[in-house]
Amino acid sequence: MQTIIDEVVGAVDNEIPDVASGLPAEFPPEIADPIFDGIETAARKFS
């Protein structure tokens, strides 16, 4: 189980920019940024 958690946490830093770059240009940052920040915060809690 810990191996899976480590893999997911390790992927966060690479995946967020990939996902962000796939969003439409008009996608509101006031929606995307808190989501990405929350994912990063959760990942730090597991690392």
C-alpha atoms as a PDB file:
ATOM      1  CA  MET A   1       0.000   0.000   0.000  1.00  0.00           C
ATOM      2  CA  GLN A   2       2.782   2.438   0.893  1.00  0.00           C
ATOM      3  CA  THR A   3       4.385   1.857  -2.507  1.00  0.00           C
ATOM      4  CA  ILE A   4       1.220   2.982  -4.260  1.00  0.00           C
ATOM      5  CA  ILE A   5       0.946   6.071  -2.060  1.00  0.00           C
ATOM      6  CA  ASP A   6       4.591   6.946  -2.738  1.00  0.00           C
ATOM      7  CA  GLU A   7       4.052   6.616  -6.492  1.00  0.00           C
ATOM      8  CA  VAL A   8       0.985   8.834  -6.467  1.00  0.00           C
ATOM      9  CA  VAL A   9       2.617  11.467  -4.261  1.00  0.00           C
ATOM     10  CA  GLY A  10       5.724  11.417  -6.443  1.00  0.00           C
ATOM     11  CA  ALA A  11       3.665  11.984  -9.571  1.00  0.00           C
ATOM     12  CA  VAL A  12       1.809  15.054  -8.291  1.00  0.00           C
ATOM     13  CA  ASP A  13       4.542  17.570  -9.148  1.00  0.00           C
ATOM     14  CA  ASN A  14       4.664  16.339 -12.743  1.00  0.00           C
ATOM     15  CA  GLU A  15       0.983  15.735 -13.277  1.00  0.00           C
ATOM     16  CA  ILE A  16      -0.419  19.080 -12.141  1.00  0.00           C
ATOM     17  CA  PRO A  17       1.390  21.051 -14.875  1.00  0.00           C
ATOM     18  CA  ASP A  18       0.331  18.441 -17.427  1.00  0.00           C
ATOM     19  CA  VAL A  19      -3.305  18.707 -16.396  1.00  0.00           C
ATOM     20  CA  ALA A  20      -3.140  22.501 -16.199  1.00  0.00           C
ATOM     21  CA  SER A  21      -1.729  22.716 -19.714  1.00  0.00           C
ATOM     22  CA  GLY A  22      -4.645  20.632 -20.971  1.00  0.00           C
ATOM     23  CA  LEU A  23      -7.261  23.007 -19.608  1.00  0.00           C
ATOM     24  CA  PRO A  24      -8.881  25.456 -22.001  1.00  0.00           C
ATOM     25  CA  ALA A  25      -7.254  28.896 -21.959  1.00  0.00           C
ATOM     26  CA  GLU A  26     -10.455  30.426 -20.622  1.00  0.00           C
ATOM     27  CA  PHE A  27     -10.684  27.980 -17.685  1.00  0.00           C
ATOM     28  CA  PRO A  28     -10.916  30.176 -14.575  1.00  0.00           C
ATOM     29  CA  PRO A  29      -7.777  30.094 -12.434  1.00  0.00           C
ATOM     30  CA  GLU A  30      -9.932  30.817  -9.395  1.00  0.00           C
ATOM     31  CA  ILE A  31     -11.308  27.306  -9.862  1.00  0.00           C
ATOM     32  CA  ALA A  32      -8.196  25.459 -11.006  1.00  0.00           C
ATOM     33  CA  ASP A  33      -5.705  26.941  -8.545  1.00  0.00           C
ATOM     34  CA  PRO A  34      -7.495  25.893  -5.333  1.00  0.00           C
ATOM     35  CA  ILE A  35      -7.955  22.393  -6.722  1.00  0.00           C
ATOM     36  CA  PHE A  36      -4.276  22.077  -7.610  1.00  0.00           C
ATOM     37  CA  ASP A  37      -3.260  23.617  -4.275  1.00  0.00           C
ATOM     38  CA  GLY A  38      -5.455  21.120  -2.436  1.00  0.00           C
ATOM     39  CA  ILE A  39      -3.903  18.210  -4.292  1.00  0.00           C
ATOM     40  CA  GLU A  40      -0.413  19.457  -3.470  1.00  0.00           C
ATOM     41  CA  THR A  41      -1.337  19.947   0.190  1.00  0.00           C
ATOM     42  CA  ALA A  42      -2.801  16.447   0.434  1.00  0.00           C
ATOM     43  CA  ALA A  43       0.258  14.949  -1.253  1.00  0.00           C
ATOM     44  CA  ARG A  44       2.574  16.660   1.254  1.00  0.00           C
ATOM     45  CA  LYS A  45       0.579  15.139   4.121  1.00  0.00           C
ATOM     46  CA  PHE A  46       1.261  11.655   2.762  1.00  0.00           C
ATOM     47  CA  SER A  47       4.952  12.189   2.099  1.00  0.00           C
END
